Amino acid sequence: MKKKHLFIAVCALALSTPMMSYASVENGKDLCLLNSDNCPNRTLSIVEIIAKLQNEINKGGTVYTADELRILNAKLAEYQGFMDQMQRP
């Protein structure tokens, strides 16, 4: 009986543990930034998103294809536009 309770407790803990360490990264690519796949349930500020986009773009062609880099650059431009609009008086 103790083994059964221990097994249930271990399963419950394992299922409740967030798997954020690999939720949004595949082969060095941040899929959450690239195409909104496997995004953790947290929100980032615009400043954080811009910083993450710049970091991913800096990885360049070693990690991303030309099309993926184009998508990341477009998203960066979009978020920088949002930031500019927010900073206007």
PDB file of N, CA and C in Angstrom:
ATOM      1  N   MET A   1       0.825  -1.197   0.000  1.00  0.00           N
ATOM      2  CA  MET A   1       0.000   0.000   0.000  1.00  0.00           C
ATOM      3  C   MET A   1       0.866   1.256   0.000  1.00  0.00           C
ATOM      4  N   LYS A   2       1.984   1.231   0.726  1.00  0.00           N
ATOM      5  CA  LYS A   2       2.856   2.404   0.773  1.00  0.00           C
ATOM      6  C   LYS A   2       3.459   2.689  -0.597  1.00  0.00           C
ATOM      7  N   LYS A   3       3.807   1.645  -1.346  1.00  0.00           N
ATOM      8  CA  LYS A   3       4.384   1.829  -2.669  1.00  0.00           C
ATOM      9  C   LYS A   3       3.396   2.520  -3.598  1.00  0.00           C
ATOM     10  N   LYS A   4       2.135   2.153  -3.471  1.00  0.00           N
ATOM     11  CA  LYS A   4       1.098   2.751  -4.320  1.00  0.00           C
ATOM     12  C   LYS A   4       0.960   4.240  -4.006  1.00  0.00           C
ATOM     13  N   HIS A   5       0.941   4.595  -2.736  1.00  0.00           N
ATOM     14  CA  HIS A   5       0.824   5.998  -2.333  1.00  0.00           C
ATOM     15  C   HIS A   5       2.065   6.782  -2.746  1.00  0.00           C
ATOM     16  N   LEU A   6       3.231   6.169  -2.609  1.00  0.00           N
ATOM     17  CA  LEU A   6       4.462   6.826  -3.012  1.00  0.00           C
ATOM     18  C   LEU A   6       4.465   7.064  -4.528  1.00  0.00           C
ATOM     19  N   PHE A   7       4.023   6.078  -5.287  1.00  0.00           N
ATOM     20  CA  PHE A   7       3.950   6.207  -6.748  1.00  0.00           C
ATOM     21  C   PHE A   7       3.002   7.332  -7.138  1.00  0.00           C
ATOM     22  N   ILE A   8       1.862   7.420  -6.508  1.00  0.00           N
ATOM     23  CA  ILE A   8       0.884   8.476  -6.803  1.00  0.00           C
ATOM     24  C   ILE A   8       1.459   9.845  -6.462  1.00  0.00           C
ATOM     25  N   ALA A   9       2.162   9.939  -5.335  1.00  0.00           N
ATOM     26  CA  ALA A   9       2.753  11.210  -4.926  1.00  0.00           C
ATOM     27  C   ALA A   9       3.840  11.649  -5.912  1.00  0.00           C
ATOM     28  N   VAL A  10       4.663  10.716  -6.336  1.00  0.00           N
ATOM     29  CA  VAL A  10       5.724  11.039  -7.285  1.00  0.00           C
ATOM     30  C   VAL A  10       5.130  11.482  -8.614  1.00  0.00           C
ATOM     31  N   CYS A  11       4.115  10.787  -9.087  1.00  0.00           N
ATOM     32  CA  CYS A  11       3.461  11.164 -10.348  1.00  0.00           C
ATOM     33  C   CYS A  11       2.832  12.546 -10.251  1.00  0.00           C
ATOM     34  N   ALA A  12       2.188  12.838  -9.135  1.00  0.00           N
ATOM     35  CA  ALA A  12       1.556  14.142  -8.958  1.00  0.00           C
ATOM     36  C   ALA A  12       2.590  15.257  -8.963  1.00  0.00           C
ATOM     37  N   LEU A  13       3.722  15.032  -8.301  1.00  0.00           N
ATOM     38  CA  LEU A  13       4.774  16.048  -8.286  1.00  0.00           C
ATOM     39  C   LEU A  13       5.407  16.218  -9.663  1.00  0.00           C
ATOM     40  N   ALA A  14       5.602  15.127 -10.361  1.00  0.00           N
ATOM     41  CA  ALA A  14       6.212  15.195 -11.678  1.00  0.00           C
ATOM     42  C   ALA A  14       5.318  15.931 -12.665  1.00  0.00           C
ATOM     43  N   LEU A  15       4.031  15.720 -12.572  1.00  0.00           N
ATOM     44  CA  LEU A  15       3.109  16.379 -13.495  1.00  0.00           C
ATOM     45  C   LEU A  15       2.904  17.849 -13.160  1.00  0.00           C
ATOM     46  N   SER A  16       3.095  18.207 -11.906  1.00  0.00           N
ATOM     47  CA  SER A  16       2.866  19.599 -11.522  1.00  0.00           C
ATOM     48  C   SER A  16       4.105  20.461 -11.716  1.00  0.00           C
ATOM     49  N   THR A  17       5.251  19.866 -11.968  1.00  0.00           N
ATOM     50  CA  THR A  17       6.484  20.620 -12.151  1.00  0.00           C
ATOM     51  C   THR A  17       6.482  21.283 -13.518  1.00  0.00           C
ATOM     52  N   PRO A  18       6.718  22.575 -13.574  1.00  0.00           N
ATOM     53  CA  PRO A  18       6.748  23.233 -14.882  1.00  0.00           C
ATOM     54  C   PRO A  18       7.936  22.748 -15.702  1.00  0.00           C
ATOM     55  N   MET A  19       7.702  22.607 -17.002  1.00  0.00           N
ATOM     56  CA  MET A  19       8.751  22.147 -17.892  1.00  0.00           C
ATOM     57  C   MET A  19       9.234  23.300 -18.744  1.00  0.00           C
ATOM     58  N   MET A  20       9.545  24.413 -18.112  1.00  0.00           N
ATOM     59  CA  MET A  20       9.910  25.609 -18.851  1.00  0.00           C
ATOM     60  C   MET A  20      11.329  25.562 -19.381  1.00  0.00           C
ATOM     61  N   SER A  21      12.149  24.650 -18.872  1.00  0.00           N
ATOM     62  CA  SER A  21      13.530  24.627 -19.320  1.00  0.00           C
ATOM     63  C   SER A  21      13.631  24.268 -20.794  1.00  0.00           C
ATOM     64  N   TYR A  22      12.685  23.505 -21.295  1.00  0.00           N
ATOM     65  CA  TYR A  22      12.718  23.158 -22.701  1.00  0.00           C
ATOM     66  C   TYR A  22      11.393  23.402 -23.396  1.00  0.00           C
ATOM     67  N   ALA A  23      10.563  24.247 -22.810  1.00  0.00           N
ATOM     68  CA  ALA A  23       9.244  24.484 -23.379  1.00  0.00           C
ATOM     69  C   ALA A  23       9.306  25.304 -24.659  1.00  0.00           C
ATOM     70  N   SER A  24      10.265  26.186 -24.776  1.00  0.00           N
ATOM     71  CA  SER A  24      10.242  27.066 -25.937  1.00  0.00           C
ATOM     72  C   SER A  24      11.538  27.055 -26.747  1.00  0.00           C
ATOM     73  N   VAL A  25      12.460  26.138 -26.451  1.00  0.00           N
ATOM     74  CA  VAL A  25      13.723  26.118 -27.167  1.00  0.00           C
ATOM     75  C   VAL A  25      13.910  24.770 -27.840  1.00  0.00           C
ATOM     76  N   GLU A  26      14.199  24.798 -29.128  1.00  0.00           N
ATOM     77  CA  GLU A  26      14.468  23.577 -29.873  1.00  0.00           C
ATOM     78  C   GLU A  26      15.657  23.828 -30.777  1.00  0.00           C
ATOM     79  N   ASN A  27      16.717  23.061 -30.599  1.00  0.00           N
ATOM     80  CA  ASN A  27      17.937  23.209 -31.403  1.00  0.00           C
ATOM     81  C   ASN A  27      18.471  24.639 -31.369  1.00  0.00           C
ATOM     82  N   GLY A  28      18.367  25.292 -30.232  1.00  0.00           N
ATOM     83  CA  GLY A  28      18.850  26.661 -30.102  1.00  0.00           C
ATOM     84  C   GLY A  28      17.873  27.712 -30.571  1.00  0.00           C
ATOM     85  N   LYS A  29      16.748  27.301 -31.143  1.00  0.00           N
ATOM     86  CA  LYS A  29      15.748  28.243 -31.638  1.00  0.00           C
ATOM     87  C   LYS A  29      14.705  28.506 -30.562  1.00  0.00           C
ATOM     88  N   ASP A  30      14.335  29.744 -30.411  1.00  0.00           N
ATOM     89  CA  ASP A  30      13.267  30.104 -29.491  1.00  0.00           C
ATOM     90  C   ASP A  30      11.965  30.086 -30.288  1.00  0.00           C
ATOM     91  N   LEU A  31      11.247  28.961 -30.192  1.00  0.00           N
ATOM     92  CA  LEU A  31      10.019  28.785 -30.970  1.00  0.00           C
ATOM     93  C   LEU A  31       8.911  29.725 -30.533  1.00  0.00           C
ATOM     94  N   CYS A  32       8.952  30.134 -29.287  1.00  0.00           N
ATOM     95  CA  CYS A  32       7.932  31.055 -28.796  1.00  0.00           C
ATOM     96  C   CYS A  32       8.055  32.406 -29.499  1.00  0.00           C
ATOM     97  N   LEU A  33       9.279  32.888 -29.672  1.00  0.00           N
ATOM     98  CA  LEU A  33       9.477  34.152 -30.381  1.00  0.00           C
ATOM     99  C   LEU A  33       9.243  33.993 -31.874  1.00  0.00           C
ATOM    100  N   LEU A  34       9.650  32.856 -32.403  1.00  0.00           N
ATOM    101  CA  LEU A  34       9.591  32.656 -33.841  1.00  0.00           C
ATOM    102  C   LEU A  34       8.167  32.513 -34.353  1.00  0.00           C
ATOM    103  N   ASN A  35       7.397  31.626 -33.733  1.00  0.00           N
ATOM    104  CA  ASN A  35       6.039  31.394 -34.259  1.00  0.00           C
ATOM    105  C   ASN A  35       5.015  31.091 -33.174  1.00  0.00           C
ATOM    106  N   SER A  36       5.273  31.558 -31.968  1.00  0.00           N
ATOM    107  CA  SER A  36       4.333  31.434 -30.849  1.00  0.00           C
ATOM    108  C   SER A  36       3.987  29.990 -30.506  1.00  0.00           C
ATOM    109  N   ASP A  37       4.913  29.052 -30.712  1.00  0.00           N
ATOM    110  CA  ASP A  37       4.718  27.663 -30.304  1.00  0.00           C
ATOM    111  C   ASP A  37       5.389  27.418 -28.965  1.00  0.00           C
ATOM    112  N   ASN A  38       4.779  26.584 -28.156  1.00  0.00           N
ATOM    113  CA  ASN A  38       5.348  26.158 -26.876  1.00  0.00           C
ATOM    114  C   ASN A  38       5.692  27.324 -25.958  1.00  0.00           C
ATOM    115  N   CYS A  39       4.857  28.340 -25.932  1.00  0.00           N
ATOM    116  CA  CYS A  39       5.116  29.492 -25.078  1.00  0.00           C
ATOM    117  C   CYS A  39       4.727  29.184 -23.635  1.00  0.00           C
ATOM    118  N   PRO A  40       5.590  29.528 -22.704  1.00  0.00           N
ATOM    119  CA  PRO A  40       5.217  29.352 -21.301  1.00  0.00           C
ATOM    120  C   PRO A  40       4.115  30.341 -20.938  1.00  0.00           C
ATOM    121  N   ASN A  41       3.414  30.041 -19.882  1.00  0.00           N
ATOM    122  CA  ASN A  41       2.296  30.883 -19.457  1.00  0.00           C
ATOM    123  C   ASN A  41       2.788  32.060 -18.638  1.00  0.00           C
ATOM    124  N   ARG A  42       3.577  32.909 -19.268  1.00  0.00           N
ATOM    125  CA  ARG A  42       4.010  34.133 -18.615  1.00  0.00           C
ATOM    126  C   ARG A  42       4.078  35.220 -19.658  1.00  0.00           C
ATOM    127  N   THR A  43       3.947  36.429 -19.201  1.00  0.00           N
ATOM    128  CA  THR A  43       3.973  37.544 -20.134  1.00  0.00           C
ATOM    129  C   THR A  43       5.293  38.284 -19.988  1.00  0.00           C
ATOM    130  N   LEU A  44       5.813  38.742 -21.086  1.00  0.00           N
ATOM    131  CA  LEU A  44       7.031  39.527 -21.106  1.00  0.00           C
ATOM    132  C   LEU A  44       6.687  40.967 -21.442  1.00  0.00           C
ATOM    133  N   SER A  45       7.485  41.879 -20.935  1.00  0.00           N
ATOM    134  CA  SER A  45       7.289  43.281 -21.306  1.00  0.00           C
ATOM    135  C   SER A  45       7.831  43.484 -22.718  1.00  0.00           C
ATOM    136  N   ILE A  46       7.470  44.590 -23.314  1.00  0.00           N
ATOM    137  CA  ILE A  46       7.937  44.884 -24.663  1.00  0.00           C
ATOM    138  C   ILE A  46       9.459  44.998 -24.680  1.00  0.00           C
ATOM    139  N   VAL A  47      10.026  45.579 -23.647  1.00  0.00           N
ATOM    140  CA  VAL A  47      11.479  45.719 -23.561  1.00  0.00           C
ATOM    141  C   VAL A  47      12.139  44.346 -23.527  1.00  0.00           C
ATOM    142  N   GLU A  48      11.573  43.409 -22.758  1.00  0.00           N
ATOM    143  CA  GLU A  48      12.123  42.052 -22.691  1.00  0.00           C
ATOM    144  C   GLU A  48      11.996  41.322 -24.023  1.00  0.00           C
ATOM    145  N   ILE A  49      10.872  41.505 -24.691  1.00  0.00           N
ATOM    146  CA  ILE A  49      10.668  40.861 -25.995  1.00  0.00           C
ATOM    147  C   ILE A  49      11.672  41.397 -27.012  1.00  0.00           C
ATOM    148  N   ILE A  50      11.878  42.710 -27.017  1.00  0.00           N
ATOM    149  CA  ILE A  50      12.847  43.310 -27.945  1.00  0.00           C
ATOM    150  C   ILE A  50      14.245  42.770 -27.673  1.00  0.00           C
ATOM    151  N   ALA A  51      14.616  42.676 -26.404  1.00  0.00           N
ATOM    152  CA  ALA A  51      15.943  42.153 -26.050  1.00  0.00           C
ATOM    153  C   ALA A  51      16.098  40.698 -26.489  1.00  0.00           C
ATOM    154  N   LYS A  52      15.055  39.889 -26.270  1.00  0.00           N
ATOM    155  CA  LYS A  52      15.122  38.490 -26.679  1.00  0.00           C
ATOM    156  C   LYS A  52      15.201  38.358 -28.193  1.00  0.00           C
ATOM    157  N   LEU A  53      14.431  39.173 -28.905  1.00  0.00           N
ATOM    158  CA  LEU A  53      14.476  39.145 -30.365  1.00  0.00           C
ATOM    159  C   LEU A  53      15.865  39.521 -30.872  1.00  0.00           C
ATOM    160  N   GLN A  54      16.466  40.557 -30.283  1.00  0.00           N
ATOM    161  CA  GLN A  54      17.805  40.963 -30.698  1.00  0.00           C
ATOM    162  C   GLN A  54      18.825  39.860 -30.430  1.00  0.00           C
ATOM    163  N   ASN A  55      18.699  39.197 -29.282  1.00  0.00           N
ATOM    164  CA  ASN A  55      19.613  38.097 -28.967  1.00  0.00           C
ATOM    165  C   ASN A  55      19.470  36.951 -29.960  1.00  0.00           C
ATOM    166  N   GLU A  56      18.234  36.637 -30.317  1.00  0.00           N
ATOM    167  CA  GLU A  56      18.010  35.542 -31.265  1.00  0.00           C
ATOM    168  C   GLU A  56      18.498  35.911 -32.658  1.00  0.00           C
ATOM    169  N   ILE A  57      18.293  37.142 -33.066  1.00  0.00           N
ATOM    170  CA  ILE A  57      18.761  37.591 -34.374  1.00  0.00           C
ATOM    171  C   ILE A  57      20.285  37.558 -34.429  1.00  0.00           C
ATOM    172  N   ASN A  58      20.928  37.888 -33.312  1.00  0.00           N
ATOM    173  CA  ASN A  58      22.390  37.863 -33.250  1.00  0.00           C
ATOM    174  C   ASN A  58      22.958  36.458 -33.413  1.00  0.00           C
ATOM    175  N   LYS A  59      22.162  35.427 -33.153  1.00  0.00           N
ATOM    176  CA  LYS A  59      22.626  34.050 -33.368  1.00  0.00           C
ATOM    177  C   LYS A  59      22.823  33.779 -34.848  1.00  0.00           C
ATOM    178  N   GLY A  60      22.066  34.474 -35.678  1.00  0.00           N
ATOM    179  CA  GLY A  60      22.251  34.443 -37.115  1.00  0.00           C
ATOM    180  C   GLY A  60      21.967  33.117 -37.781  1.00  0.00           C
ATOM    181  N   GLY A  61      22.649  32.918 -38.896  1.00  0.00           N
ATOM    182  CA  GLY A  61      22.414  31.766 -39.752  1.00  0.00           C
ATOM    183  C   GLY A  61      22.905  30.444 -39.193  1.00  0.00           C
ATOM    184  N   THR A  62      23.649  30.482 -38.096  1.00  0.00           N
ATOM    185  CA  THR A  62      24.076  29.219 -37.497  1.00  0.00           C
ATOM    186  C   THR A  62      22.918  28.483 -36.849  1.00  0.00           C
ATOM    187  N   VAL A  63      21.905  29.228 -36.436  1.00  0.00           N
ATOM    188  CA  VAL A  63      20.745  28.632 -35.767  1.00  0.00           C
ATOM    189  C   VAL A  63      19.490  28.742 -36.625  1.00  0.00           C
ATOM    190  N   TYR A  64      19.289  29.888 -37.252  1.00  0.00           N
ATOM    191  CA  TYR A  64      18.058  30.170 -37.976  1.00  0.00           C
ATOM    192  C   TYR A  64      18.276  30.177 -39.485  1.00  0.00           C
ATOM    193  N   THR A  65      17.220  29.839 -40.217  1.00  0.00           N
ATOM    194  CA  THR A  65      17.256  29.949 -41.673  1.00  0.00           C
ATOM    195  C   THR A  65      17.017  31.407 -42.052  1.00  0.00           C
ATOM    196  N   ALA A  66      17.220  31.728 -43.317  1.00  0.00           N
ATOM    197  CA  ALA A  66      17.005  33.107 -43.787  1.00  0.00           C
ATOM    198  C   ALA A  66      15.549  33.538 -43.595  1.00  0.00           C
ATOM    199  N   ASP A  67      14.611  32.637 -43.847  1.00  0.00           N
ATOM    200  CA  ASP A  67      13.192  32.969 -43.654  1.00  0.00           C
ATOM    201  C   ASP A  67      12.883  33.228 -42.188  1.00  0.00           C
ATOM    202  N   GLU A  68      13.441  32.420 -41.303  1.00  0.00           N
ATOM    203  CA  GLU A  68      13.205  32.609 -39.872  1.00  0.00           C
ATOM    204  C   GLU A  68      13.815  33.922 -39.395  1.00  0.00           C
ATOM    205  N   LEU A  69      14.983  34.260 -39.892  1.00  0.00           N
ATOM    206  CA  LEU A  69      15.592  35.544 -39.532  1.00  0.00           C
ATOM    207  C   LEU A  69      14.750  36.708 -40.041  1.00  0.00           C
ATOM    208  N   ARG A  70      14.164  36.559 -41.205  1.00  0.00           N
ATOM    209  CA  ARG A  70      13.280  37.591 -41.746  1.00  0.00           C
ATOM    210  C   ARG A  70      12.064  37.777 -40.835  1.00  0.00           C
ATOM    211  N   ILE A  71      11.507  36.673 -40.354  1.00  0.00           N
ATOM    212  CA  ILE A  71      10.356  36.739 -39.442  1.00  0.00           C
ATOM    213  C   ILE A  71      10.750  37.440 -38.142  1.00  0.00           C
ATOM    214  N   LEU A  72      11.901  37.059 -37.586  1.00  0.00           N
ATOM    215  CA  LEU A  72      12.359  37.675 -36.336  1.00  0.00           C
ATOM    216  C   LEU A  72      12.619  39.168 -36.518  1.00  0.00           C
ATOM    217  N   ASN A  73      13.219  39.557 -37.643  1.00  0.00           N
ATOM    218  CA  ASN A  73      13.462  40.976 -37.912  1.00  0.00           C
ATOM    219  C   ASN A  73      12.157  41.745 -38.065  1.00  0.00           C
ATOM    220  N   ALA A  74      11.169  41.142 -38.696  1.00  0.00           N
ATOM    221  CA  ALA A  74       9.863  41.798 -38.838  1.00  0.00           C
ATOM    222  C   ALA A  74       9.196  41.980 -37.479  1.00  0.00           C
ATOM    223  N   LYS A  75       9.293  40.965 -36.638  1.00  0.00           N
ATOM    224  CA  LYS A  75       8.708  41.090 -35.295  1.00  0.00           C
ATOM    225  C   LYS A  75       9.441  42.142 -34.479  1.00  0.00           C
ATOM    226  N   LEU A  76      10.772  42.192 -34.627  1.00  0.00           N
ATOM    227  CA  LEU A  76      11.549  43.206 -33.919  1.00  0.00           C
ATOM    228  C   LEU A  76      11.118  44.605 -34.352  1.00  0.00           C
ATOM    229  N   ALA A  77      10.979  44.817 -35.644  1.00  0.00           N
ATOM    230  CA  ALA A  77      10.541  46.124 -36.148  1.00  0.00           C
ATOM    231  C   ALA A  77       9.150  46.473 -35.616  1.00  0.00           C
ATOM    232  N   GLU A  78       8.272  45.474 -35.561  1.00  0.00           N
ATOM    233  CA  GLU A  78       6.913  45.703 -35.053  1.00  0.00           C
ATOM    234  C   GLU A  78       6.937  46.124 -33.584  1.00  0.00           C
ATOM    235  N   TYR A  79       7.707  45.392 -32.770  1.00  0.00           N
ATOM    236  CA  TYR A  79       7.764  45.730 -31.345  1.00  0.00           C
ATOM    237  C   TYR A  79       8.475  47.055 -31.101  1.00  0.00           C
ATOM    238  N   GLN A  80       9.482  47.372 -31.908  1.00  0.00           N
ATOM    239  CA  GLN A  80      10.127  48.674 -31.771  1.00  0.00           C
ATOM    240  C   GLN A  80       9.162  49.792 -32.148  1.00  0.00           C
ATOM    241  N   GLY A  81       8.293  49.534 -33.118  1.00  0.00           N
ATOM    242  CA  GLY A  81       7.252  50.508 -33.471  1.00  0.00           C
ATOM    243  C   GLY A  81       6.280  50.720 -32.317  1.00  0.00           C
ATOM    244  N   PHE A  82       5.895  49.617 -31.652  1.00  0.00           N
ATOM    245  CA  PHE A  82       5.021  49.736 -30.469  1.00  0.00           C
ATOM    246  C   PHE A  82       5.699  50.566 -29.392  1.00  0.00           C
ATOM    247  N   MET A  83       6.990  50.308 -29.184  1.00  0.00           N
ATOM    248  CA  MET A  83       7.731  51.019 -28.149  1.00  0.00           C
ATOM    249  C   MET A  83       7.821  52.506 -28.474  1.00  0.00           C
ATOM    250  N   ASP A  84       8.049  52.839 -29.751  1.00  0.00           N
ATOM    251  CA  ASP A  84       8.100  54.244 -30.164  1.00  0.00           C
ATOM    252  C   ASP A  84       6.762  54.939 -29.932  1.00  0.00           C
ATOM    253  N   GLN A  85       5.669  54.248 -30.250  1.00  0.00           N
ATOM    254  CA  GLN A  85       4.337  54.824 -30.043  1.00  0.00           C
ATOM    255  C   GLN A  85       4.058  55.059 -28.565  1.00  0.00           C
ATOM    256  N   MET A  86       4.517  54.155 -27.726  1.00  0.00           N
ATOM    257  CA  MET A  86       4.270  54.292 -26.283  1.00  0.00           C
ATOM    258  C   MET A  86       5.084  55.424 -25.681  1.00  0.00           C
ATOM    259  N   GLN A  87       6.230  55.736 -26.270  1.00  0.00           N
ATOM    260  CA  GLN A  87       7.095  56.763 -25.702  1.00  0.00           C
ATOM    261  C   GLN A  87       6.779  58.158 -26.206  1.00  0.00           C
ATOM    262  N   ARG A  88       5.891  58.277 -27.183  1.00  0.00           N
ATOM    263  CA  ARG A  88       5.492  59.590 -27.672  1.00  0.00           C
ATOM    264  C   ARG A  88       4.622  60.287 -26.637  1.00  0.00           C
ATOM    265  N   PRO A  89       4.773  61.608 -26.535  1.00  0.00           N
ATOM    266  CA  PRO A  89       3.934  62.326 -25.556  1.00  0.00           C
ATOM    267  C   PRO A  89       2.484  62.416 -25.973  1.00  0.00           C
TER     268      PRO A  89
END
